[in-house]
Amino acid sequence: GVPIKIVMPELKVTLLEAIGKKVNFLKHIIRILGLNDITA
């Protein structure tokens, strides 16, 4: 999801993950990369 979102900023992406620590990482990477329309 994240690599695709980087090259396709117009795409709406939802990242579904069962492990909370990994979700925290995903939220962190979304924030620091400044990605929009992507949710973990």
Full PDB file with SEQRES, HELIX, SHEET, SSBOND, CRYST1, ORIGX, SCALE, CONECT and MASTER records, all heavy atoms in Angstrom:
SEQRES   1 A   40  GLY VAL PRO ILE LYS ILE VAL MET PRO GLU LEU LYS VAL          
SEQRES   2 A   40  THR LEU LEU GLU ALA ILE GLY LYS LYS VAL ASN PHE LEU          
SEQRES   3 A   40  LYS HIS ILE ILE ARG ILE LEU GLY LEU ASN ASP ILE THR          
SEQRES   4 A   40  ALA                                                          
HELIX    1 AA1 VAL A    2  VAL A    7  1                                   6    
HELIX    2 AA2 GLY A   20  LEU A   33  1                                  14    
SHEET    1 AA1 2 VAL A  13  THR A  14  0                                        
SHEET    2 AA1 2 ILE A  38  THR A  39  1                                        
CRYST1    1.000    1.000    1.000  90.00  90.00  90.00 P 1           1          
ORIGX1      1.000000  0.000000  0.000000        0.00000                         
ORIGX2      0.000000  1.000000  0.000000        0.00000                         
ORIGX3      0.000000  0.000000  1.000000        0.00000                         
SCALE1      1.000000  0.000000  0.000000        0.00000                         
SCALE2      0.000000  1.000000  0.000000        0.00000                         
SCALE3      0.000000  0.000000  1.000000        0.00000                         
ATOM      1  N   GLY A   1       0.760  -1.237   0.000  1.00  0.00           N  
ATOM      2  CA  GLY A   1       0.000   0.000   0.000  1.00  0.00           C  
ATOM      3  C   GLY A   1       0.794   1.292   0.000  1.00  0.00           C  
ATOM      4  O   GLY A   1       0.499   2.210  -0.769  1.00  0.00           O  
ATOM      5  N   VAL A   2       1.804   1.423   0.861  1.00  0.00           N  
ATOM      6  CA  VAL A   2       2.534   2.685   0.966  1.00  0.00           C  
ATOM      7  C   VAL A   2       3.363   2.963  -0.295  1.00  0.00           C  
ATOM      8  O   VAL A   2       3.291   4.079  -0.839  1.00  0.00           O  
ATOM      9  CB  VAL A   2       3.392   2.751   2.253  1.00  0.00           C  
ATOM     10  CG1 VAL A   2       4.263   4.000   2.267  1.00  0.00           C  
ATOM     11  CG2 VAL A   2       2.486   2.715   3.487  1.00  0.00           C  
ATOM     12  N   PRO A   3       4.145   2.000  -0.809  1.00  0.00           N  
ATOM     13  CA  PRO A   3       4.872   2.291  -2.049  1.00  0.00           C  
ATOM     14  C   PRO A   3       3.938   2.684  -3.209  1.00  0.00           C  
ATOM     15  O   PRO A   3       4.252   3.610  -3.965  1.00  0.00           O  
ATOM     16  CB  PRO A   3       5.612   0.985  -2.358  1.00  0.00           C  
ATOM     17  CG  PRO A   3       5.830   0.376  -1.013  1.00  0.00           C  
ATOM     18  CD  PRO A   3       4.560   0.696  -0.254  1.00  0.00           C  
ATOM     19  N   ILE A   4       2.802   2.018  -3.310  1.00  0.00           N  
ATOM     20  CA  ILE A   4       1.854   2.376  -4.370  1.00  0.00           C  
ATOM     21  C   ILE A   4       1.338   3.791  -4.154  1.00  0.00           C  
ATOM     22  O   ILE A   4       1.249   4.589  -5.089  1.00  0.00           O  
ATOM     23  CB  ILE A   4       0.694   1.360  -4.439  1.00  0.00           C  
ATOM     24  CG1 ILE A   4       1.224  -0.002  -4.906  1.00  0.00           C  
ATOM     25  CG2 ILE A   4      -0.418   1.861  -5.358  1.00  0.00           C  
ATOM     26  CD1 ILE A   4       0.219  -1.135  -4.779  1.00  0.00           C  
ATOM     27  N   LYS A   5       1.015   4.135  -2.912  1.00  0.00           N  
ATOM     28  CA  LYS A   5       0.519   5.471  -2.602  1.00  0.00           C  
ATOM     29  C   LYS A   5       1.560   6.539  -2.940  1.00  0.00           C  
ATOM     30  O   LYS A   5       1.212   7.615  -3.435  1.00  0.00           O  
ATOM     31  CB  LYS A   5       0.120   5.557  -1.118  1.00  0.00           C  
ATOM     32  CG  LYS A   5      -0.405   6.904  -0.699  1.00  0.00           C  
ATOM     33  CD  LYS A   5      -1.692   7.255  -1.410  1.00  0.00           C  
ATOM     34  CE  LYS A   5      -2.227   8.591  -0.893  1.00  0.00           C  
ATOM     35  NZ  LYS A   5      -3.446   8.976  -1.574  1.00  0.00           N  
ATOM     36  N   ILE A   6       2.830   6.249  -2.711  1.00  0.00           N  
ATOM     37  CA  ILE A   6       3.886   7.216  -3.018  1.00  0.00           C  
ATOM     38  C   ILE A   6       3.882   7.574  -4.497  1.00  0.00           C  
ATOM     39  O   ILE A   6       4.013   8.742  -4.855  1.00  0.00           O  
ATOM     40  CB  ILE A   6       5.274   6.690  -2.571  1.00  0.00           C  
ATOM     41  CG1 ILE A   6       5.359   6.650  -1.042  1.00  0.00           C  
ATOM     42  CG2 ILE A   6       6.410   7.538  -3.155  1.00  0.00           C  
ATOM     43  CD1 ILE A   6       6.592   5.946  -0.492  1.00  0.00           C  
ATOM     44  N   VAL A   7       3.698   6.578  -5.366  1.00  0.00           N  
ATOM     45  CA  VAL A   7       3.739   6.846  -6.812  1.00  0.00           C  
ATOM     46  C   VAL A   7       2.362   7.166  -7.399  1.00  0.00           C  
ATOM     47  O   VAL A   7       2.275   7.608  -8.537  1.00  0.00           O  
ATOM     48  CB  VAL A   7       4.403   5.692  -7.604  1.00  0.00           C  
ATOM     49  CG1 VAL A   7       5.831   5.480  -7.128  1.00  0.00           C  
ATOM     50  CG2 VAL A   7       3.601   4.417  -7.545  1.00  0.00           C  
ATOM     51  N   MET A   8       1.308   6.933  -6.619  1.00  0.00           N  
ATOM     52  CA  MET A   8      -0.053   7.247  -7.069  1.00  0.00           C  
ATOM     53  C   MET A   8      -0.764   8.069  -5.996  1.00  0.00           C  
ATOM     54  O   MET A   8      -1.670   7.571  -5.316  1.00  0.00           O  
ATOM     55  CB  MET A   8      -0.835   5.954  -7.354  1.00  0.00           C  
ATOM     56  CG  MET A   8      -0.310   5.137  -8.508  1.00  0.00           C  
ATOM     57  SD  MET A   8      -1.319   3.655  -8.802  1.00  0.00           S  
ATOM     58  CE  MET A   8      -2.876   4.386  -9.334  1.00  0.00           C  
ATOM     59  N   PRO A   9      -0.367   9.322  -5.819  1.00  0.00           N  
ATOM     60  CA  PRO A   9      -0.933  10.130  -4.733  1.00  0.00           C  
ATOM     61  C   PRO A   9      -2.446  10.333  -4.833  1.00  0.00           C  
ATOM     62  O   PRO A   9      -3.096  10.603  -3.824  1.00  0.00           O  
ATOM     63  CB  PRO A   9      -0.182  11.453  -4.835  1.00  0.00           C  
ATOM     64  CG  PRO A   9       0.465  11.463  -6.167  1.00  0.00           C  
ATOM     65  CD  PRO A   9       0.623  10.039  -6.599  1.00  0.00           C  
ATOM     66  N   GLU A  10      -3.004  10.169  -6.010  1.00  0.00           N  
ATOM     67  CA  GLU A  10      -4.450  10.343  -6.198  1.00  0.00           C  
ATOM     68  C   GLU A  10      -5.261   9.147  -5.693  1.00  0.00           C  
ATOM     69  O   GLU A  10      -6.480   9.234  -5.535  1.00  0.00           O  
ATOM     70  CB  GLU A  10      -4.760  10.586  -7.686  1.00  0.00           C  
ATOM     71  CG  GLU A  10      -4.559   9.371  -8.588  1.00  0.00           C  
ATOM     72  CD  GLU A  10      -3.115   9.017  -8.951  1.00  0.00           C  
ATOM     73  OE1 GLU A  10      -2.163   9.703  -8.519  1.00  0.00           O  
ATOM     74  OE2 GLU A  10      -2.941   8.016  -9.674  1.00  0.00           O  
ATOM     75  N   LEU A  11      -4.618   8.031  -5.424  1.00  0.00           N  
ATOM     76  CA  LEU A  11      -5.281   6.809  -4.986  1.00  0.00           C  
ATOM     77  C   LEU A  11      -5.659   6.891  -3.513  1.00  0.00           C  
ATOM     78  O   LEU A  11      -4.863   7.331  -2.686  1.00  0.00           O  
ATOM     79  CB  LEU A  11      -4.326   5.623  -5.200  1.00  0.00           C  
ATOM     80  CG  LEU A  11      -4.862   4.220  -5.013  1.00  0.00           C  
ATOM     81  CD1 LEU A  11      -5.879   3.886  -6.109  1.00  0.00           C  
ATOM     82  CD2 LEU A  11      -3.719   3.216  -5.072  1.00  0.00           C  
ATOM     83  N   LYS A  12      -6.873   6.488  -3.185  1.00  0.00           N  
ATOM     84  CA  LYS A  12      -7.305   6.401  -1.778  1.00  0.00           C  
ATOM     85  C   LYS A  12      -6.902   5.016  -1.277  1.00  0.00           C  
ATOM     86  O   LYS A  12      -7.264   4.003  -1.869  1.00  0.00           O  
ATOM     87  CB  LYS A  12      -8.822   6.593  -1.681  1.00  0.00           C  
ATOM     88  CG  LYS A  12      -9.339   6.547  -0.260  1.00  0.00           C  
ATOM     89  CD  LYS A  12     -10.805   6.897  -0.202  1.00  0.00           C  
ATOM     90  CE  LYS A  12     -11.449   6.781   1.134  1.00  0.00           C  
ATOM     91  NZ  LYS A  12     -10.692   6.873   2.312  1.00  0.00           N  
ATOM     92  N   VAL A  13      -6.145   4.981  -0.180  1.00  0.00           N  
ATOM     93  CA  VAL A  13      -5.591   3.720   0.320  1.00  0.00           C  
ATOM     94  C   VAL A  13      -5.997   3.505   1.777  1.00  0.00           C  
ATOM     95  O   VAL A  13      -5.921   4.425   2.592  1.00  0.00           O  
ATOM     96  CB  VAL A  13      -4.044   3.704   0.202  1.00  0.00           C  
ATOM     97  CG1 VAL A  13      -3.456   2.429   0.812  1.00  0.00           C  
ATOM     98  CG2 VAL A  13      -3.614   3.856  -1.253  1.00  0.00           C  
ATOM     99  N   THR A  14      -6.417   2.277   2.078  1.00  0.00           N  
ATOM    100  CA  THR A  14      -6.664   1.859   3.452  1.00  0.00           C  
ATOM    101  C   THR A  14      -5.732   0.698   3.755  1.00  0.00           C  
ATOM    102  O   THR A  14      -5.689  -0.286   3.005  1.00  0.00           O  
ATOM    103  CB  THR A  14      -8.135   1.422   3.653  1.00  0.00           C  
ATOM    104  OG1 THR A  14      -8.983   2.507   3.301  1.00  0.00           O  
ATOM    105  CG2 THR A  14      -8.389   1.009   5.092  1.00  0.00           C  
ATOM    106  N   LEU A  15      -4.978   0.836   4.839  1.00  0.00           N  
ATOM    107  CA  LEU A  15      -4.057  -0.211   5.291  1.00  0.00           C  
ATOM    108  C   LEU A  15      -4.705  -0.899   6.485  1.00  0.00           C  
ATOM    109  O   LEU A  15      -4.974  -0.257   7.497  1.00  0.00           O  
ATOM    110  CB  LEU A  15      -2.721   0.403   5.702  1.00  0.00           C  
ATOM    111  CG  LEU A  15      -2.036   1.319   4.684  1.00  0.00           C  
ATOM    112  CD1 LEU A  15      -0.827   2.010   5.318  1.00  0.00           C  
ATOM    113  CD2 LEU A  15      -1.631   0.549   3.444  1.00  0.00           C  
ATOM    114  N   LEU A  16      -4.967  -2.182   6.376  1.00  0.00           N  
ATOM    115  CA  LEU A  16      -5.577  -2.957   7.450  1.00  0.00           C  
ATOM    116  C   LEU A  16      -4.517  -3.873   8.048  1.00  0.00           C  
ATOM    117  O   LEU A  16      -3.912  -4.683   7.340  1.00  0.00           O  
ATOM    118  CB  LEU A  16      -6.752  -3.780   6.914  1.00  0.00           C  
ATOM    119  CG  LEU A  16      -7.473  -4.680   7.901  1.00  0.00           C  
ATOM    120  CD1 LEU A  16      -8.140  -3.857   8.998  1.00  0.00           C  
ATOM    121  CD2 LEU A  16      -8.499  -5.544   7.173  1.00  0.00           C  
ATOM    122  N   GLU A  17      -4.294  -3.736   9.353  1.00  0.00           N  
ATOM    123  CA  GLU A  17      -3.264  -4.518  10.036  1.00  0.00           C  
ATOM    124  C   GLU A  17      -3.791  -4.931  11.405  1.00  0.00           C  
ATOM    125  O   GLU A  17      -4.404  -4.134  12.114  1.00  0.00           O  
ATOM    126  CB  GLU A  17      -1.986  -3.681  10.174  1.00  0.00           C  
ATOM    127  CG  GLU A  17      -0.890  -4.309  10.998  1.00  0.00           C  
ATOM    128  CD  GLU A  17      -0.485  -5.695  10.532  1.00  0.00           C  
ATOM    129  OE1 GLU A  17      -0.234  -5.889   9.338  1.00  0.00           O  
ATOM    130  OE2 GLU A  17      -0.424  -6.605  11.388  1.00  0.00           O  
ATOM    131  N   ALA A  18      -3.558  -6.195  11.790  1.00  0.00           N  
ATOM    132  CA  ALA A  18      -4.083  -6.737  13.042  1.00  0.00           C  
ATOM    133  C   ALA A  18      -3.228  -6.382  14.261  1.00  0.00           C  
ATOM    134  O   ALA A  18      -3.714  -6.400  15.386  1.00  0.00           O  
ATOM    135  CB  ALA A  18      -4.210  -8.257  12.939  1.00  0.00           C  
ATOM    136  N   ILE A  19      -1.966  -6.062  14.046  1.00  0.00           N  
ATOM    137  CA  ILE A  19      -1.043  -5.829  15.156  1.00  0.00           C  
ATOM    138  C   ILE A  19      -0.889  -4.332  15.401  1.00  0.00           C  
ATOM    139  O   ILE A  19      -0.437  -3.582  14.526  1.00  0.00           O  
ATOM    140  CB  ILE A  19       0.317  -6.502  14.878  1.00  0.00           C  
ATOM    141  CG1 ILE A  19       0.107  -8.014  14.730  1.00  0.00           C  
ATOM    142  CG2 ILE A  19       1.326  -6.177  15.984  1.00  0.00           C  
ATOM    143  CD1 ILE A  19       1.312  -8.769  14.247  1.00  0.00           C  
ATOM    144  N   GLY A  20      -1.241  -3.911  16.615  1.00  0.00           N  
ATOM    145  CA  GLY A  20      -1.241  -2.495  16.974  1.00  0.00           C  
ATOM    146  C   GLY A  20       0.090  -1.785  16.773  1.00  0.00           C  
ATOM    147  O   GLY A  20       0.130  -0.638  16.332  1.00  0.00           O  
ATOM    148  N   LYS A  21       1.196  -2.439  17.099  1.00  0.00           N  
ATOM    149  CA  LYS A  21       2.514  -1.817  16.944  1.00  0.00           C  
ATOM    150  C   LYS A  21       2.809  -1.511  15.471  1.00  0.00           C  
ATOM    151  O   LYS A  21       3.413  -0.493  15.142  1.00  0.00           O  
ATOM    152  CB  LYS A  21       3.612  -2.715  17.515  1.00  0.00           C  
ATOM    153  CG  LYS A  21       3.582  -2.831  19.024  1.00  0.00           C  
ATOM    154  CD  LYS A  21       4.655  -3.783  19.495  1.00  0.00           C  
ATOM    155  CE  LYS A  21       4.576  -3.982  21.002  1.00  0.00           C  
ATOM    156  NZ  LYS A  21       5.574  -4.924  21.478  1.00  0.00           N  
ATOM    157  N   LYS A  22       2.372  -2.400  14.605  1.00  0.00           N  
ATOM    158  CA  LYS A  22       2.574  -2.177  13.166  1.00  0.00           C  
ATOM    159  C   LYS A  22       1.681  -1.043  12.675  1.00  0.00           C  
ATOM    160  O   LYS A  22       2.091  -0.237  11.834  1.00  0.00           O  
ATOM    161  CB  LYS A  22       2.335  -3.462  12.378  1.00  0.00           C  
ATOM    162  CG  LYS A  22       3.397  -4.519  12.655  1.00  0.00           C  
ATOM    163  CD  LYS A  22       3.163  -5.781  11.868  1.00  0.00           C  
ATOM    164  CE  LYS A  22       4.243  -6.813  12.198  1.00  0.00           C  
ATOM    165  NZ  LYS A  22       4.089  -8.043  11.416  1.00  0.00           N  
ATOM    166  N   VAL A  23       0.468  -0.958  13.211  1.00  0.00           N  
ATOM    167  CA  VAL A  23      -0.428   0.155  12.866  1.00  0.00           C  
ATOM    168  C   VAL A  23       0.217   1.471  13.296  1.00  0.00           C  
ATOM    169  O   VAL A  23       0.163   2.464  12.555  1.00  0.00           O  
ATOM    170  CB  VAL A  23      -1.826  -0.022  13.493  1.00  0.00           C  
ATOM    171  CG1 VAL A  23      -2.689   1.207  13.263  1.00  0.00           C  
ATOM    172  CG2 VAL A  23      -2.507  -1.264  12.947  1.00  0.00           C  
ATOM    173  N   ASN A  24       0.844   1.485  14.462  1.00  0.00           N  
ATOM    174  CA  ASN A  24       1.541   2.693  14.923  1.00  0.00           C  
ATOM    175  C   ASN A  24       2.644   3.094  13.947  1.00  0.00           C  
ATOM    176  O   ASN A  24       2.815   4.281  13.645  1.00  0.00           O  
ATOM    177  CB  ASN A  24       2.117   2.498  16.320  1.00  0.00           C  
ATOM    178  CG  ASN A  24       1.043   2.420  17.383  1.00  0.00           C  
ATOM    179  OD1 ASN A  24      -0.082   2.866  17.187  1.00  0.00           O  
ATOM    180  ND2 ASN A  24       1.385   1.826  18.515  1.00  0.00           N  
ATOM    181  N   PHE A  25       3.391   2.112  13.451  1.00  0.00           N  
ATOM    182  CA  PHE A  25       4.418   2.414  12.448  1.00  0.00           C  
ATOM    183  C   PHE A  25       3.774   2.991  11.195  1.00  0.00           C  
ATOM    184  O   PHE A  25       4.261   3.987  10.642  1.00  0.00           O  
ATOM    185  CB  PHE A  25       5.239   1.169  12.083  1.00  0.00           C  
ATOM    186  CG  PHE A  25       6.078   1.384  10.851  1.00  0.00           C  
ATOM    187  CD1 PHE A  25       7.233   2.152  10.914  1.00  0.00           C  
ATOM    188  CD2 PHE A  25       5.693   0.863   9.629  1.00  0.00           C  
ATOM    189  CE1 PHE A  25       7.997   2.392   9.774  1.00  0.00           C  
ATOM    190  CE2 PHE A  25       6.446   1.085   8.481  1.00  0.00           C  
ATOM    191  CZ  PHE A  25       7.602   1.852   8.558  1.00  0.00           C  
ATOM    192  N   LEU A  26       2.705   2.368  10.725  1.00  0.00           N  
ATOM    193  CA  LEU A  26       2.045   2.831   9.507  1.00  0.00           C  
ATOM    194  C   LEU A  26       1.549   4.269   9.660  1.00  0.00           C  
ATOM    195  O   LEU A  26       1.731   5.098   8.757  1.00  0.00           O  
ATOM    196  CB  LEU A  26       0.888   1.898   9.137  1.00  0.00           C  
ATOM    197  CG  LEU A  26       1.295   0.470   8.769  1.00  0.00           C  
ATOM    198  CD1 LEU A  26       0.062  -0.423   8.652  1.00  0.00           C  
ATOM    199  CD2 LEU A  26       2.116   0.445   7.488  1.00  0.00           C  
ATOM    200  N   LYS A  27       0.960   4.584  10.793  1.00  0.00           N  
ATOM    201  CA  LYS A  27       0.496   5.952  11.038  1.00  0.00           C  
ATOM    202  C   LYS A  27       1.676   6.922  11.062  1.00  0.00           C  
ATOM    203  O   LYS A  27       1.584   8.043  10.552  1.00  0.00           O  
ATOM    204  CB  LYS A  27      -0.308   6.024  12.339  1.00  0.00           C  
ATOM    205  CG  LYS A  27      -1.665   5.357  12.214  1.00  0.00           C  
ATOM    206  CD  LYS A  27      -2.447   5.434  13.506  1.00  0.00           C  
ATOM    207  CE  LYS A  27      -3.822   4.791  13.334  1.00  0.00           C  
ATOM    208  NZ  LYS A  27      -4.622   4.859  14.558  1.00  0.00           N  
ATOM    209  N   HIS A  28       2.782   6.483  11.648  1.00  0.00           N  
ATOM    210  CA  HIS A  28       3.988   7.298  11.700  1.00  0.00           C  
ATOM    211  C   HIS A  28       4.508   7.583  10.288  1.00  0.00           C  
ATOM    212  O   HIS A  28       4.808   8.734   9.947  1.00  0.00           O  
ATOM    213  CB  HIS A  28       5.057   6.580  12.542  1.00  0.00           C  
ATOM    214  CG  HIS A  28       6.413   7.181  12.455  1.00  0.00           C  
ATOM    215  ND1 HIS A  28       6.750   8.360  13.085  1.00  0.00           N  
ATOM    216  CD2 HIS A  28       7.526   6.771  11.778  1.00  0.00           C  
ATOM    217  CE1 HIS A  28       8.025   8.649  12.823  1.00  0.00           C  
ATOM    218  NE2 HIS A  28       8.509   7.701  12.034  1.00  0.00           N  
ATOM    219  N   ILE A  29       4.615   6.559   9.462  1.00  0.00           N  
ATOM    220  CA  ILE A  29       5.181   6.741   8.126  1.00  0.00           C  
ATOM    221  C   ILE A  29       4.253   7.594   7.260  1.00  0.00           C  
ATOM    222  O   ILE A  29       4.714   8.429   6.476  1.00  0.00           O  
ATOM    223  CB  ILE A  29       5.548   5.381   7.465  1.00  0.00           C  
ATOM    224  CG1 ILE A  29       6.625   5.572   6.394  1.00  0.00           C  
ATOM    225  CG2 ILE A  29       4.366   4.676   6.874  1.00  0.00           C  
ATOM    226  CD1 ILE A  29       7.960   5.980   6.909  1.00  0.00           C  
ATOM    227  N   ILE A  30       2.956   7.423   7.425  1.00  0.00           N  
ATOM    228  CA  ILE A  30       1.991   8.265   6.697  1.00  0.00           C  
ATOM    229  C   ILE A  30       2.207   9.733   7.076  1.00  0.00           C  
ATOM    230  O   ILE A  30       2.241  10.613   6.209  1.00  0.00           O  
ATOM    231  CB  ILE A  30       0.539   7.830   7.007  1.00  0.00           C  
ATOM    232  CG1 ILE A  30       0.245   6.474   6.364  1.00  0.00           C  
ATOM    233  CG2 ILE A  30      -0.465   8.885   6.567  1.00  0.00           C  
ATOM    234  CD1 ILE A  30      -1.031   5.810   6.881  1.00  0.00           C  
ATOM    235  N   ARG A  31       2.362   9.983   8.358  1.00  0.00           N  
ATOM    236  CA  ARG A  31       2.533  11.346   8.858  1.00  0.00           C  
ATOM    237  C   ARG A  31       3.839  11.970   8.365  1.00  0.00           C  
ATOM    238  O   ARG A  31       3.838  13.076   7.832  1.00  0.00           O  
ATOM    239  CB  ARG A  31       2.473  11.361  10.385  1.00  0.00           C  
ATOM    240  CG  ARG A  31       2.522  12.739  11.008  1.00  0.00           C  
ATOM    241  CD  ARG A  31       2.387  12.721  12.534  1.00  0.00           C  
ATOM    242  NE  ARG A  31       3.382  11.870  13.186  1.00  0.00           N  
ATOM    243  CZ  ARG A  31       3.140  10.662  13.706  1.00  0.00           C  
ATOM    244  NH1 ARG A  31       1.930  10.139  13.688  1.00  0.00           N  
ATOM    245  NH2 ARG A  31       4.102   9.959  14.275  1.00  0.00           N  
ATOM    246  N   ILE A  32       4.960  11.263   8.529  1.00  0.00           N  
ATOM    247  CA  ILE A  32       6.233  11.894   8.170  1.00  0.00           C  
ATOM    248  C   ILE A  32       6.417  12.038   6.659  1.00  0.00           C  
ATOM    249  O   ILE A  32       7.150  12.909   6.211  1.00  0.00           O  
ATOM    250  CB  ILE A  32       7.456  11.211   8.812  1.00  0.00           C  
ATOM    251  CG1 ILE A  32       7.671   9.816   8.283  1.00  0.00           C  
ATOM    252  CG2 ILE A  32       7.378  11.230  10.307  1.00  0.00           C  
ATOM    253  CD1 ILE A  32       9.040   9.279   8.625  1.00  0.00           C  
ATOM    254  N   LEU A  33       5.732  11.195   5.878  1.00  0.00           N  
ATOM    255  CA  LEU A  33       5.801  11.338   4.423  1.00  0.00           C  
ATOM    256  C   LEU A  33       4.780  12.352   3.907  1.00  0.00           C  
ATOM    257  O   LEU A  33       4.809  12.711   2.731  1.00  0.00           O  
ATOM    258  CB  LEU A  33       5.598   9.983   3.730  1.00  0.00           C  
ATOM    259  CG  LEU A  33       6.693   8.937   3.957  1.00  0.00           C  
ATOM    260  CD1 LEU A  33       6.374   7.652   3.201  1.00  0.00           C  
ATOM    261  CD2 LEU A  33       8.062   9.477   3.569  1.00  0.00           C  
ATOM    262  N   GLY A  34       3.881  12.783   4.785  1.00  0.00           N  
ATOM    263  CA  GLY A  34       2.876  13.770   4.380  1.00  0.00           C  
ATOM    264  C   GLY A  34       1.882  13.229   3.373  1.00  0.00           C  
ATOM    265  O   GLY A  34       1.407  13.965   2.510  1.00  0.00           O  
ATOM    266  N   LEU A  35       1.556  11.940   3.498  1.00  0.00           N  
ATOM    267  CA  LEU A  35       0.626  11.318   2.549  1.00  0.00           C  
ATOM    268  C   LEU A  35      -0.819  11.639   2.933  1.00  0.00           C  
ATOM    269  O   LEU A  35      -1.169  11.626   4.113  1.00  0.00           O  
ATOM    270  CB  LEU A  35       0.835   9.803   2.526  1.00  0.00           C  
ATOM    271  CG  LEU A  35       2.239   9.332   2.115  1.00  0.00           C  
ATOM    272  CD1 LEU A  35       2.355   7.817   2.270  1.00  0.00           C  
ATOM    273  CD2 LEU A  35       2.566   9.766   0.695  1.00  0.00           C  
ATOM    274  N   ASN A  36      -1.634  11.909   1.938  1.00  0.00           N  
ATOM    275  CA  ASN A  36      -3.054  12.216   2.141  1.00  0.00           C  
ATOM    276  C   ASN A  36      -3.919  11.084   1.592  1.00  0.00           C  
ATOM    277  O   ASN A  36      -3.491  10.337   0.714  1.00  0.00           O  
ATOM    278  CB  ASN A  36      -3.426  13.522   1.425  1.00  0.00           C  
ATOM    279  CG  ASN A  36      -2.647  14.694   1.972  1.00  0.00           C  
ATOM    280  OD1 ASN A  36      -2.552  14.879   3.174  1.00  0.00           O  
ATOM    281  ND2 ASN A  36      -2.078  15.482   1.089  1.00  0.00           N  
ATOM    282  N   ASP A  37      -5.133  10.998   2.102  1.00  0.00           N  
ATOM    283  CA  ASP A  37      -6.087   9.966   1.666  1.00  0.00           C  
ATOM    284  C   ASP A  37      -5.541   8.555   1.823  1.00  0.00           C  
ATOM    285  O   ASP A  37      -5.720   7.692   0.960  1.00  0.00           O  
ATOM    286  CB  ASP A  37      -6.543  10.196   0.219  1.00  0.00           C  
ATOM    287  CG  ASP A  37      -7.479  11.367   0.087  1.00  0.00           C  
ATOM    288  OD1 ASP A  37      -8.219  11.642   1.046  1.00  0.00           O  
ATOM    289  OD2 ASP A  37      -7.482  12.013  -0.981  1.00  0.00           O  
ATOM    290  N   ILE A  38      -4.864   8.332   2.941  1.00  0.00           N  
ATOM    291  CA  ILE A  38      -4.384   6.997   3.300  1.00  0.00           C  
ATOM    292  C   ILE A  38      -4.602   6.840   4.799  1.00  0.00           C  
ATOM    293  O   ILE A  38      -4.274   7.728   5.583  1.00  0.00           O  
ATOM    294  CB  ILE A  38      -2.909   6.765   2.901  1.00  0.00           C  
ATOM    295  CG1 ILE A  38      -2.449   5.345   3.293  1.00  0.00           C  
ATOM    296  CG2 ILE A  38      -2.001   7.830   3.446  1.00  0.00           C  
ATOM    297  CD1 ILE A  38      -1.099   4.942   2.716  1.00  0.00           C  
ATOM    298  N   THR A  39      -5.182   5.704   5.169  1.00  0.00           N  
ATOM    299  CA  THR A  39      -5.534   5.453   6.548  1.00  0.00           C  
ATOM    300  C   THR A  39      -5.013   4.078   6.973  1.00  0.00           C  
ATOM    301  O   THR A  39      -5.105   3.124   6.205  1.00  0.00           O  
ATOM    302  CB  THR A  39      -7.075   5.453   6.722  1.00  0.00           C  
ATOM    303  OG1 THR A  39      -7.578   6.667   6.195  1.00  0.00           O  
ATOM    304  CG2 THR A  39      -7.478   5.314   8.173  1.00  0.00           C  
ATOM    305  N   ALA A  40      -4.482   4.005   8.194  1.00  0.00           N  
ATOM    306  CA  ALA A  40      -4.063   2.722   8.773  1.00  0.00           C  
ATOM    307  C   ALA A  40      -5.035   2.395   9.904  1.00  0.00           C  
ATOM    308  O   ALA A  40      -5.237   3.213  10.789  1.00  0.00           O  
ATOM    309  CB  ALA A  40      -2.649   2.811   9.287  1.00  0.00           C  
TER     310      ALA A  40                                                      
MASTER        0    0    0    2    2    0    0    6  309    1    0    4          
END                                                                             
